[in-house]
């Protein structure tokens, strides 16, 4: 309901409501919530869930607390709706993740895990820009700054980096420099360092702060890409002309804002493309892999 009073589209319900091709129904264990959402968008409110009906839907959304994902997702994979949205992380238990993988491999159901940045046109364009830079020079350093749980929020950075660079981050030799259980009982905010494709990678987990913060800086030999304001603003910098023996400074070359504006519309558009076999496959395997690596890093 957090976009009820704004113009932005940042929930599934609002995105579905604004799409003329979609009819939907809502359910929540809190009946007051489901009634409010149903009334707001003029749709049917379900008073109970019947797993036998899941296969009657083209899309089913699991937008519930992480501890409930396994229960609902396992039922979805058994019943077989064409497409399931699942919030991230998929689960916080490696055994349950393995069980979900087994079910997933036995079904034709596609599962989109909502690492939503990878579905935005501006981020897709940035991927092309990064590929173009890498054709000329290597990435030397990456700095991620985040807060509120490594699994819950740094996972967004891992997914985005792997999407942009097209390879998997190996955390097996990563060093944990700071470990604080601040926001979640089972998901500490970590500061982590590792080497990835020859680049020095630093995850800086902010603790003791009372603001939202998520930024990524990519440094190349003569260029830099800054992903700011949770990914809503992108900046490309490159060096100015060298004077004498001094290294030149970085100068702003381009800036793009509003990258995440109405971001859920792009997520739903991607989902519809998958149903019509226009878009590539889902990201479930990659998302489970991220969770497995993080849980191993956390010793769980």
C-alpha atoms as a PDB file:
ATOM      1  CA  UNK A   1       0.000   0.000   0.000  1.00  0.00           C
ATOM      2  CA  UNK A   2       3.000   2.322   0.127  1.00  0.00           C
ATOM      3  CA  UNK A   3       2.260   3.899  -3.238  1.00  0.00           C
ATOM      4  CA  UNK A   4      -1.408   4.617  -2.405  1.00  0.00           C
ATOM      5  CA  UNK A   5      -0.764   8.320  -1.877  1.00  0.00           C
ATOM      6  CA  UNK A   6       1.903   8.888  -4.524  1.00  0.00           C
ATOM      7  CA  UNK A   7       2.032   9.063  -8.312  1.00  0.00           C
ATOM      8  CA  UNK A   8       4.774   6.436  -8.462  1.00  0.00           C
ATOM      9  CA  UNK A   9       4.061   2.818  -9.375  1.00  0.00           C
ATOM     10  CA  UNK A  10       6.032   0.679  -6.939  1.00  0.00           C
ATOM     11  CA  UNK A  11       3.622  -2.153  -6.073  1.00  0.00           C
ATOM     12  CA  UNK A  12       2.291  -5.098  -8.048  1.00  0.00           C
ATOM     13  CA  UNK A  13      -1.329  -4.129  -7.378  1.00  0.00           C
ATOM     14  CA  UNK A  14      -0.952  -0.632  -8.791  1.00  0.00           C
ATOM     15  CA  UNK A  15       0.954  -1.875 -11.844  1.00  0.00           C
ATOM     16  CA  UNK A  16      -1.699  -4.526 -12.508  1.00  0.00           C
ATOM     17  CA  UNK A  17      -4.455  -1.953 -12.066  1.00  0.00           C
ATOM     18  CA  UNK A  18      -2.897   0.367 -14.650  1.00  0.00           C
ATOM     19  CA  UNK A  19      -2.470  -2.410 -17.233  1.00  0.00           C
ATOM     20  CA  UNK A  20      -5.586  -2.806 -19.371  1.00  0.00           C
ATOM     21  CA  UNK A  21      -4.660  -6.394 -20.263  1.00  0.00           C
ATOM     22  CA  UNK A  22      -4.629  -7.591 -16.657  1.00  0.00           C
ATOM     23  CA  UNK A  23      -7.460  -8.587 -14.351  1.00  0.00           C
ATOM     24  CA  UNK A  24      -6.432  -9.557 -10.829  1.00  0.00           C
ATOM     25  CA  UNK A  25      -7.581 -10.565  -7.356  1.00  0.00           C
ATOM     26  CA  UNK A  26      -5.964  -9.981  -3.981  1.00  0.00           C
ATOM     27  CA  UNK A  27      -5.495 -11.972  -0.805  1.00  0.00           C
ATOM     28  CA  UNK A  28      -3.797 -11.141   2.463  1.00  0.00           C
ATOM     29  CA  UNK A  29      -3.831 -12.938   5.787  1.00  0.00           C
ATOM     30  CA  UNK A  30      -4.751  -9.527   7.216  1.00  0.00           C
ATOM     31  CA  UNK A  31      -8.287  -9.125   5.861  1.00  0.00           C
ATOM     32  CA  UNK A  32      -8.260  -5.381   6.488  1.00  0.00           C
ATOM     33  CA  UNK A  33      -5.296  -5.009   4.145  1.00  0.00           C
ATOM     34  CA  UNK A  34      -6.806  -7.141   1.381  1.00  0.00           C
ATOM     35  CA  UNK A  35     -10.112  -5.271   1.627  1.00  0.00           C
ATOM     36  CA  UNK A  36      -8.364  -1.895   1.391  1.00  0.00           C
ATOM     37  CA  UNK A  37      -6.370  -2.920  -1.679  1.00  0.00           C
ATOM     38  CA  UNK A  38      -9.378  -4.537  -3.349  1.00  0.00           C
ATOM     39  CA  UNK A  39     -11.535  -1.488  -2.724  1.00  0.00           C
ATOM     40  CA  UNK A  40      -8.838   0.876  -3.920  1.00  0.00           C
ATOM     41  CA  UNK A  41      -8.468  -0.871  -7.292  1.00  0.00           C
ATOM     42  CA  UNK A  42     -11.996  -2.170  -7.714  1.00  0.00           C
ATOM     43  CA  UNK A  43     -11.060  -5.845  -7.755  1.00  0.00           C
ATOM     44  CA  UNK A  44     -12.209  -9.010  -6.014  1.00  0.00           C
ATOM     45  CA  UNK A  45     -10.933  -9.768  -2.525  1.00  0.00           C
ATOM     46  CA  UNK A  46     -10.266 -13.447  -1.787  1.00  0.00           C
ATOM     47  CA  UNK A  47     -11.166 -14.615   1.701  1.00  0.00           C
ATOM     48  CA  UNK A  48      -9.192 -17.865   1.526  1.00  0.00           C
ATOM     49  CA  UNK A  49      -6.575 -19.504  -0.638  1.00  0.00           C
ATOM     50  CA  UNK A  50      -7.160 -22.777  -2.479  1.00  0.00           C
ATOM     51  CA  UNK A  51      -3.909 -24.177  -3.935  1.00  0.00           C
ATOM     52  CA  UNK A  52      -5.923 -26.150  -6.472  1.00  0.00           C
ATOM     53  CA  UNK A  53      -6.855 -22.841  -8.150  1.00  0.00           C
ATOM     54  CA  UNK A  54      -3.301 -21.534  -8.566  1.00  0.00           C
ATOM     55  CA  UNK A  55      -2.991 -23.097 -12.002  1.00  0.00           C
ATOM     56  CA  UNK A  56      -5.990 -21.057 -13.179  1.00  0.00           C
ATOM     57  CA  UNK A  57      -3.948 -17.834 -13.032  1.00  0.00           C
ATOM     58  CA  UNK A  58      -1.398 -16.653 -15.597  1.00  0.00           C
ATOM     59  CA  UNK A  59       0.586 -14.841 -12.895  1.00  0.00           C
ATOM     60  CA  UNK A  60       0.708 -15.397  -9.139  1.00  0.00           C
ATOM     61  CA  UNK A  61       2.552 -12.971  -6.850  1.00  0.00           C
ATOM     62  CA  UNK A  62       4.167 -13.991  -3.555  1.00  0.00           C
ATOM     63  CA  UNK A  63       4.629 -10.640  -1.824  1.00  0.00           C
ATOM     64  CA  UNK A  64       4.876 -11.925   1.734  1.00  0.00           C
ATOM     65  CA  UNK A  65       7.493 -12.137   4.520  1.00  0.00           C
ATOM     66  CA  UNK A  66      10.561 -14.182   3.564  1.00  0.00           C
ATOM     67  CA  UNK A  67       9.807 -16.935   6.106  1.00  0.00           C
ATOM     68  CA  UNK A  68       6.596 -17.755   4.200  1.00  0.00           C
ATOM     69  CA  UNK A  69       8.114 -17.938   0.703  1.00  0.00           C
ATOM     70  CA  UNK A  70       8.954 -21.637   0.860  1.00  0.00           C
ATOM     71  CA  UNK A  71       5.409 -22.623   1.813  1.00  0.00           C
ATOM     72  CA  UNK A  72       3.731 -20.650  -0.948  1.00  0.00           C
ATOM     73  CA  UNK A  73       6.345 -21.180  -3.658  1.00  0.00           C
ATOM     74  CA  UNK A  74       6.464 -24.956  -3.179  1.00  0.00           C
ATOM     75  CA  UNK A  75       2.661 -25.073  -3.615  1.00  0.00           C
ATOM     76  CA  UNK A  76       2.915 -22.908  -6.734  1.00  0.00           C
ATOM     77  CA  UNK A  77       5.563 -25.144  -8.274  1.00  0.00           C
ATOM     78  CA  UNK A  78       3.426 -28.210  -7.596  1.00  0.00           C
ATOM     79  CA  UNK A  79       0.270 -26.649  -9.083  1.00  0.00           C
ATOM     80  CA  UNK A  80       1.968 -25.091 -12.102  1.00  0.00           C
ATOM     81  CA  UNK A  81       0.763 -21.549 -12.951  1.00  0.00           C
ATOM     82  CA  UNK A  82       2.771 -20.250 -15.952  1.00  0.00           C
ATOM     83  CA  UNK A  83       4.568 -17.506 -14.013  1.00  0.00           C
ATOM     84  CA  UNK A  84       5.225 -16.754 -10.353  1.00  0.00           C
ATOM     85  CA  UNK A  85       6.617 -13.522  -8.936  1.00  0.00           C
ATOM     86  CA  UNK A  86       8.492 -14.035  -5.677  1.00  0.00           C
ATOM     87  CA  UNK A  87       9.966 -11.311  -3.539  1.00  0.00           C
ATOM     88  CA  UNK A  88      13.598 -11.649  -2.524  1.00  0.00           C
ATOM     89  CA  UNK A  89      15.341 -13.334  -0.905  1.00  0.00           C
ATOM     90  CA  UNK A  90      13.741 -16.612  -1.950  1.00  0.00           C
ATOM     91  CA  UNK A  91      14.581 -18.257   1.382  1.00  0.00           C
ATOM     92  CA  UNK A  92      17.105 -18.093   4.223  1.00  0.00           C
ATOM     93  CA  UNK A  93      17.660 -21.860   4.529  1.00  0.00           C
ATOM     94  CA  UNK A  94      19.948 -23.772   2.162  1.00  0.00           C
ATOM     95  CA  UNK A  95      18.051 -27.060   2.546  1.00  0.00           C
ATOM     96  CA  UNK A  96      14.760 -25.445   1.590  1.00  0.00           C
ATOM     97  CA  UNK A  97      16.449 -23.684  -1.334  1.00  0.00           C
ATOM     98  CA  UNK A  98      17.657 -27.071  -2.602  1.00  0.00           C
ATOM     99  CA  UNK A  99      14.148 -28.483  -2.269  1.00  0.00           C
ATOM    100  CA  UNK A 100      12.695 -25.570  -4.216  1.00  0.00           C
ATOM    101  CA  UNK A 101      15.270 -26.135  -6.958  1.00  0.00           C
ATOM    102  CA  UNK A 102      14.179 -29.757  -7.250  1.00  0.00           C
ATOM    103  CA  UNK A 103      10.540 -28.714  -7.623  1.00  0.00           C
ATOM    104  CA  UNK A 104      11.449 -25.973 -10.084  1.00  0.00           C
ATOM    105  CA  UNK A 105      13.302 -28.387 -12.357  1.00  0.00           C
ATOM    106  CA  UNK A 106      10.247 -30.665 -12.534  1.00  0.00           C
ATOM    107  CA  UNK A 107       7.829 -27.971 -13.695  1.00  0.00           C
ATOM    108  CA  UNK A 108       7.352 -25.569 -16.575  1.00  0.00           C
ATOM    109  CA  UNK A 109       6.505 -22.724 -14.185  1.00  0.00           C
ATOM    110  CA  UNK A 110       8.772 -19.712 -14.555  1.00  0.00           C
ATOM    111  CA  UNK A 111       9.781 -17.842 -11.401  1.00  0.00           C
ATOM    112  CA  UNK A 112      10.747 -14.180 -11.488  1.00  0.00           C
ATOM    113  CA  UNK A 113      12.526 -13.062  -8.322  1.00  0.00           C
ATOM    114  CA  UNK A 114      12.033  -9.334  -7.990  1.00  0.00           C
ATOM    115  CA  UNK A 115      15.548  -7.958  -8.196  1.00  0.00           C
ATOM    116  CA  UNK A 116      13.713  -5.162  -9.953  1.00  0.00           C
ATOM    117  CA  UNK A 117      16.629  -3.041 -11.181  1.00  0.00           C
ATOM    118  CA  UNK A 118      17.647  -5.522 -13.877  1.00  0.00           C
ATOM    119  CA  UNK A 119      14.252  -5.051 -15.575  1.00  0.00           C
ATOM    120  CA  UNK A 120      14.546  -1.265 -15.999  1.00  0.00           C
ATOM    121  CA  UNK A 121      15.364   0.148 -19.472  1.00  0.00           C
ATOM    122  CA  UNK A 122      17.964   2.530 -18.018  1.00  0.00           C
ATOM    123  CA  UNK A 123      19.808  -0.352 -16.335  1.00  0.00           C
ATOM    124  CA  UNK A 124      19.654  -2.452 -19.516  1.00  0.00           C
ATOM    125  CA  UNK A 125      21.198   0.492 -21.362  1.00  0.00           C
ATOM    126  CA  UNK A 126      23.847   0.777 -18.639  1.00  0.00           C
ATOM    127  CA  UNK A 127      24.765  -2.880 -19.178  1.00  0.00           C
ATOM    128  CA  UNK A 128      25.524  -2.053 -22.817  1.00  0.00           C
ATOM    129  CA  UNK A 129      27.618   0.920 -21.696  1.00  0.00           C
ATOM    130  CA  UNK A 130      29.614  -1.233 -19.259  1.00  0.00           C
ATOM    131  CA  UNK A 131      30.234  -3.819 -21.972  1.00  0.00           C
ATOM    132  CA  UNK A 132      31.486  -1.040 -24.253  1.00  0.00           C
ATOM    133  CA  UNK A 133      33.880   0.264 -21.580  1.00  0.00           C
ATOM    134  CA  UNK A 134      35.179  -3.248 -20.835  1.00  0.00           C
ATOM    135  CA  UNK A 135      36.065  -3.663 -24.509  1.00  0.00           C
ATOM    136  CA  UNK A 136      38.617  -0.871 -24.014  1.00  0.00           C
ATOM    137  CA  UNK A 137      39.729  -1.053 -20.370  1.00  0.00           C
ATOM    138  CA  UNK A 138      39.330  -3.234 -17.306  1.00  0.00           C
ATOM    139  CA  UNK A 139      37.340  -2.627 -14.155  1.00  0.00           C
ATOM    140  CA  UNK A 140      39.751  -1.964 -11.281  1.00  0.00           C
ATOM    141  CA  UNK A 141      37.577  -1.250  -8.232  1.00  0.00           C
ATOM    142  CA  UNK A 142      33.946  -1.625  -7.160  1.00  0.00           C
ATOM    143  CA  UNK A 143      32.468  -0.045  -4.028  1.00  0.00           C
ATOM    144  CA  UNK A 144      28.973  -0.924  -2.788  1.00  0.00           C
ATOM    145  CA  UNK A 145      27.438   1.074   0.055  1.00  0.00           C
ATOM    146  CA  UNK A 146      24.225  -0.236   1.585  1.00  0.00           C
ATOM    147  CA  UNK A 147      22.435  -0.801   4.902  1.00  0.00           C
ATOM    148  CA  UNK A 148      19.881  -3.151   6.549  1.00  0.00           C
ATOM    149  CA  UNK A 149      21.095  -6.713   6.046  1.00  0.00           C
ATOM    150  CA  UNK A 150      23.537  -8.280   3.596  1.00  0.00           C
ATOM    151  CA  UNK A 151      21.035 -10.859   2.345  1.00  0.00           C
ATOM    152  CA  UNK A 152      18.111  -8.471   2.154  1.00  0.00           C
ATOM    153  CA  UNK A 153      19.867  -5.502   0.563  1.00  0.00           C
ATOM    154  CA  UNK A 154      23.444  -6.235  -0.533  1.00  0.00           C
ATOM    155  CA  UNK A 155      21.934  -9.078  -2.575  1.00  0.00           C
ATOM    156  CA  UNK A 156      20.420  -6.365  -4.797  1.00  0.00           C
ATOM    157  CA  UNK A 157      23.950  -5.110  -5.500  1.00  0.00           C
ATOM    158  CA  UNK A 158      25.260  -8.611  -6.222  1.00  0.00           C
ATOM    159  CA  UNK A 159      22.422  -9.275  -8.660  1.00  0.00           C
ATOM    160  CA  UNK A 160      22.934  -5.915 -10.364  1.00  0.00           C
ATOM    161  CA  UNK A 161      26.695  -6.378 -10.686  1.00  0.00           C
ATOM    162  CA  UNK A 162      26.298  -9.873 -12.097  1.00  0.00           C
ATOM    163  CA  UNK A 163      23.714  -8.562 -14.563  1.00  0.00           C
ATOM    164  CA  UNK A 164      25.966  -5.707 -15.693  1.00  0.00           C
ATOM    165  CA  UNK A 165      29.162  -7.753 -15.999  1.00  0.00           C
ATOM    166  CA  UNK A 166      27.696 -11.106 -17.035  1.00  0.00           C
ATOM    167  CA  UNK A 167      29.610 -13.245 -14.546  1.00  0.00           C
ATOM    168  CA  UNK A 168      29.175 -14.660 -11.040  1.00  0.00           C
ATOM    169  CA  UNK A 169      30.781 -13.131  -7.947  1.00  0.00           C
ATOM    170  CA  UNK A 170      32.717 -15.735  -5.979  1.00  0.00           C
ATOM    171  CA  UNK A 171      32.327 -15.065  -2.246  1.00  0.00           C
ATOM    172  CA  UNK A 172      34.165 -18.197  -1.084  1.00  0.00           C
ATOM    173  CA  UNK A 173      37.386 -16.265  -0.369  1.00  0.00           C
ATOM    174  CA  UNK A 174      35.697 -13.035   0.754  1.00  0.00           C
ATOM    175  CA  UNK A 175      36.790 -11.398   3.999  1.00  0.00           C
ATOM    176  CA  UNK A 176      34.160 -10.168   6.467  1.00  0.00           C
ATOM    177  CA  UNK A 177      35.481  -7.004   8.097  1.00  0.00           C
ATOM    178  CA  UNK A 178      32.394  -5.957  10.068  1.00  0.00           C
ATOM    179  CA  UNK A 179      29.394  -7.990  11.247  1.00  0.00           C
ATOM    180  CA  UNK A 180      26.419  -6.382  13.025  1.00  0.00           C
ATOM    181  CA  UNK A 181      22.951  -7.778  13.696  1.00  0.00           C
ATOM    182  CA  UNK A 182      21.053  -4.513  13.550  1.00  0.00           C
ATOM    183  CA  UNK A 183      17.824  -4.756  11.528  1.00  0.00           C
ATOM    184  CA  UNK A 184      17.240  -8.509  11.199  1.00  0.00           C
ATOM    185  CA  UNK A 185      17.780 -11.306  13.718  1.00  0.00           C
ATOM    186  CA  UNK A 186      19.102 -13.689  11.062  1.00  0.00           C
ATOM    187  CA  UNK A 187      20.628 -11.295   8.521  1.00  0.00           C
ATOM    188  CA  UNK A 188      23.597  -9.233   9.739  1.00  0.00           C
ATOM    189  CA  UNK A 189      24.800  -6.109   7.991  1.00  0.00           C
ATOM    190  CA  UNK A 190      28.271  -7.034   6.780  1.00  0.00           C
ATOM    191  CA  UNK A 191      31.251  -5.166   5.398  1.00  0.00           C
ATOM    192  CA  UNK A 192      32.935  -7.535   2.959  1.00  0.00           C
ATOM    193  CA  UNK A 193      35.939  -7.418   0.637  1.00  0.00           C
ATOM    194  CA  UNK A 194      36.829  -9.769  -2.201  1.00  0.00           C
ATOM    195  CA  UNK A 195      38.492  -9.900  -5.611  1.00  0.00           C
ATOM    196  CA  UNK A 196      36.305 -10.432  -8.686  1.00  0.00           C
ATOM    197  CA  UNK A 197      37.708 -10.636 -12.215  1.00  0.00           C
ATOM    198  CA  UNK A 198      40.814  -8.856 -10.958  1.00  0.00           C
ATOM    199  CA  UNK A 199      38.844  -5.966  -9.434  1.00  0.00           C
ATOM    200  CA  UNK A 200      39.012  -4.955  -5.777  1.00  0.00           C
ATOM    201  CA  UNK A 201      35.407  -5.204  -4.510  1.00  0.00           C
ATOM    202  CA  UNK A 202      34.233  -3.611  -1.263  1.00  0.00           C
ATOM    203  CA  UNK A 203      30.779  -3.954   0.280  1.00  0.00           C
ATOM    204  CA  UNK A 204      30.411  -1.307   2.982  1.00  0.00           C
ATOM    205  CA  UNK A 205      27.523  -2.045   5.323  1.00  0.00           C
ATOM    206  CA  UNK A 206      26.350   1.096   7.081  1.00  0.00           C
ATOM    207  CA  UNK A 207      25.245   0.502  10.667  1.00  0.00           C
ATOM    208  CA  UNK A 208      23.891   2.916  13.271  1.00  0.00           C
ATOM    209  CA  UNK A 209      22.321   5.154  10.605  1.00  0.00           C
ATOM    210  CA  UNK A 210      18.703   6.217  10.234  1.00  0.00           C
ATOM    211  CA  UNK A 211      18.433   6.780   6.506  1.00  0.00           C
ATOM    212  CA  UNK A 212      18.094   4.660   3.366  1.00  0.00           C
ATOM    213  CA  UNK A 213      21.258   4.324   1.322  1.00  0.00           C
ATOM    214  CA  UNK A 214      22.210   2.157  -1.652  1.00  0.00           C
ATOM    215  CA  UNK A 215      24.925   3.170  -4.092  1.00  0.00           C
ATOM    216  CA  UNK A 216      27.482   1.444  -6.320  1.00  0.00           C
ATOM    217  CA  UNK A 217      30.630   2.950  -7.806  1.00  0.00           C
ATOM    218  CA  UNK A 218      32.399   1.201 -10.697  1.00  0.00           C
ATOM    219  CA  UNK A 219      35.936   2.361 -11.392  1.00  0.00           C
ATOM    220  CA  UNK A 220      37.764   1.556 -14.598  1.00  0.00           C
ATOM    221  CA  UNK A 221      41.229   2.694 -15.730  1.00  0.00           C
ATOM    222  CA  UNK A 222      40.057   6.047 -17.098  1.00  0.00           C
ATOM    223  CA  UNK A 223      36.319   5.985 -16.520  1.00  0.00           C
ATOM    224  CA  UNK A 224      33.820   5.577 -13.693  1.00  0.00           C
ATOM    225  CA  UNK A 225      30.139   4.714 -13.435  1.00  0.00           C
ATOM    226  CA  UNK A 226      28.192   5.908 -10.392  1.00  0.00           C
ATOM    227  CA  UNK A 227      24.870   4.265  -9.530  1.00  0.00           C
ATOM    228  CA  UNK A 228      23.301   6.700  -7.076  1.00  0.00           C
ATOM    229  CA  UNK A 229      20.054   7.260  -5.176  1.00  0.00           C
ATOM    230  CA  UNK A 230      19.265   3.521  -4.946  1.00  0.00           C
ATOM    231  CA  UNK A 231      19.846   3.252  -8.706  1.00  0.00           C
ATOM    232  CA  UNK A 232      17.519   6.061  -9.692  1.00  0.00           C
ATOM    233  CA  UNK A 233      20.418   8.184 -10.963  1.00  0.00           C
ATOM    234  CA  UNK A 234      23.284   7.063 -13.192  1.00  0.00           C
ATOM    235  CA  UNK A 235      26.440   9.054 -13.915  1.00  0.00           C
ATOM    236  CA  UNK A 236      29.232   8.347 -16.392  1.00  0.00           C
ATOM    237  CA  UNK A 237      32.595  10.016 -15.794  1.00  0.00           C
ATOM    238  CA  UNK A 238      35.839   9.952 -17.765  1.00  0.00           C
ATOM    239  CA  UNK A 239      39.229  11.609 -17.490  1.00  0.00           C
ATOM    240  CA  UNK A 240      40.054  15.027 -18.797  1.00  0.00           C
ATOM    241  CA  UNK A 241      43.175  15.683 -20.839  1.00  0.00           C
ATOM    242  CA  UNK A 242      46.419  14.871 -19.003  1.00  0.00           C
ATOM    243  CA  UNK A 243      48.646  17.796 -18.089  1.00  0.00           C
ATOM    244  CA  UNK A 244      52.280  16.946 -17.466  1.00  0.00           C
ATOM    245  CA  UNK A 245      52.931  13.984 -15.172  1.00  0.00           C
ATOM    246  CA  UNK A 246      49.801  14.443 -13.073  1.00  0.00           C
ATOM    247  CA  UNK A 247      46.900  12.050 -13.392  1.00  0.00           C
ATOM    248  CA  UNK A 248      43.888  13.830 -14.893  1.00  0.00           C
ATOM    249  CA  UNK A 249      40.699  14.197 -12.878  1.00  0.00           C
ATOM    250  CA  UNK A 250      37.372  12.565 -13.654  1.00  0.00           C
ATOM    251  CA  UNK A 251      34.785  14.787 -15.332  1.00  0.00           C
ATOM    252  CA  UNK A 252      31.051  14.172 -15.619  1.00  0.00           C
ATOM    253  CA  UNK A 253      30.125  13.129 -19.159  1.00  0.00           C
ATOM    254  CA  UNK A 254      26.477  12.163 -18.779  1.00  0.00           C
ATOM    255  CA  UNK A 255      23.780  11.853 -16.154  1.00  0.00           C
ATOM    256  CA  UNK A 256      20.452  10.013 -16.302  1.00  0.00           C
ATOM    257  CA  UNK A 257      17.771  10.501 -13.669  1.00  0.00           C
ATOM    258  CA  UNK A 258      14.419   8.876 -13.049  1.00  0.00           C
ATOM    259  CA  UNK A 259      15.760   5.405 -13.818  1.00  0.00           C
ATOM    260  CA  UNK A 260      13.498   3.739 -11.261  1.00  0.00           C
ATOM    261  CA  UNK A 261      10.465   5.931 -11.790  1.00  0.00           C
ATOM    262  CA  UNK A 262       7.381   3.694 -11.915  1.00  0.00           C
ATOM    263  CA  UNK A 263       9.734   0.717 -11.773  1.00  0.00           C
ATOM    264  CA  UNK A 264       7.044  -1.889 -11.181  1.00  0.00           C
ATOM    265  CA  UNK A 265       5.490  -1.124 -14.568  1.00  0.00           C
ATOM    266  CA  UNK A 266       8.693  -2.350 -16.221  1.00  0.00           C
ATOM    267  CA  UNK A 267       8.749  -5.466 -14.044  1.00  0.00           C
ATOM    268  CA  UNK A 268       5.188  -6.350 -15.062  1.00  0.00           C
ATOM    269  CA  UNK A 269       5.933  -5.549 -18.707  1.00  0.00           C
ATOM    270  CA  UNK A 270       8.859  -7.984 -18.581  1.00  0.00           C
ATOM    271  CA  UNK A 271       6.606 -10.628 -17.040  1.00  0.00           C
ATOM    272  CA  UNK A 272       4.045 -10.238 -19.813  1.00  0.00           C
ATOM    273  CA  UNK A 273       6.849 -10.630 -22.335  1.00  0.00           C
ATOM    274  CA  UNK A 274       7.836 -13.899 -20.696  1.00  0.00           C
ATOM    275  CA  UNK A 275       4.266 -15.184 -20.913  1.00  0.00           C
ATOM    276  CA  UNK A 276       4.273 -14.345 -24.614  1.00  0.00           C
ATOM    277  CA  UNK A 277       7.727 -15.958 -25.056  1.00  0.00           C
ATOM    278  CA  UNK A 278       9.166 -12.591 -26.104  1.00  0.00           C
ATOM    279  CA  UNK A 279      11.508 -12.070 -23.146  1.00  0.00           C
ATOM    280  CA  UNK A 280      14.366 -14.390 -22.118  1.00  0.00           C
ATOM    281  CA  UNK A 281      14.073 -16.973 -19.358  1.00  0.00           C
ATOM    282  CA  UNK A 282      13.457 -16.156 -15.712  1.00  0.00           C
ATOM    283  CA  UNK A 283      16.104 -15.363 -13.072  1.00  0.00           C
ATOM    284  CA  UNK A 284      15.230 -18.004 -10.467  1.00  0.00           C
ATOM    285  CA  UNK A 285      18.439 -20.042 -10.734  1.00  0.00           C
ATOM    286  CA  UNK A 286      20.610 -16.932 -10.449  1.00  0.00           C
ATOM    287  CA  UNK A 287      18.618 -15.681  -7.460  1.00  0.00           C
ATOM    288  CA  UNK A 288      18.891 -18.986  -5.602  1.00  0.00           C
ATOM    289  CA  UNK A 289      22.620 -19.036  -6.317  1.00  0.00           C
ATOM    290  CA  UNK A 290      22.995 -15.564  -4.772  1.00  0.00           C
ATOM    291  CA  UNK A 291      21.176 -16.717  -1.619  1.00  0.00           C
ATOM    292  CA  UNK A 292      23.271 -19.888  -1.369  1.00  0.00           C
ATOM    293  CA  UNK A 293      26.537 -17.940  -1.608  1.00  0.00           C
ATOM    294  CA  UNK A 294      25.406 -15.349   0.942  1.00  0.00           C
ATOM    295  CA  UNK A 295      24.190 -17.961   3.433  1.00  0.00           C
ATOM    296  CA  UNK A 296      27.510 -19.789   3.122  1.00  0.00           C
ATOM    297  CA  UNK A 297      29.366 -16.505   3.705  1.00  0.00           C
ATOM    298  CA  UNK A 298      27.252 -15.943   6.813  1.00  0.00           C
ATOM    299  CA  UNK A 299      28.060 -19.472   8.034  1.00  0.00           C
ATOM    300  CA  UNK A 300      24.474 -20.660   7.773  1.00  0.00           C
END
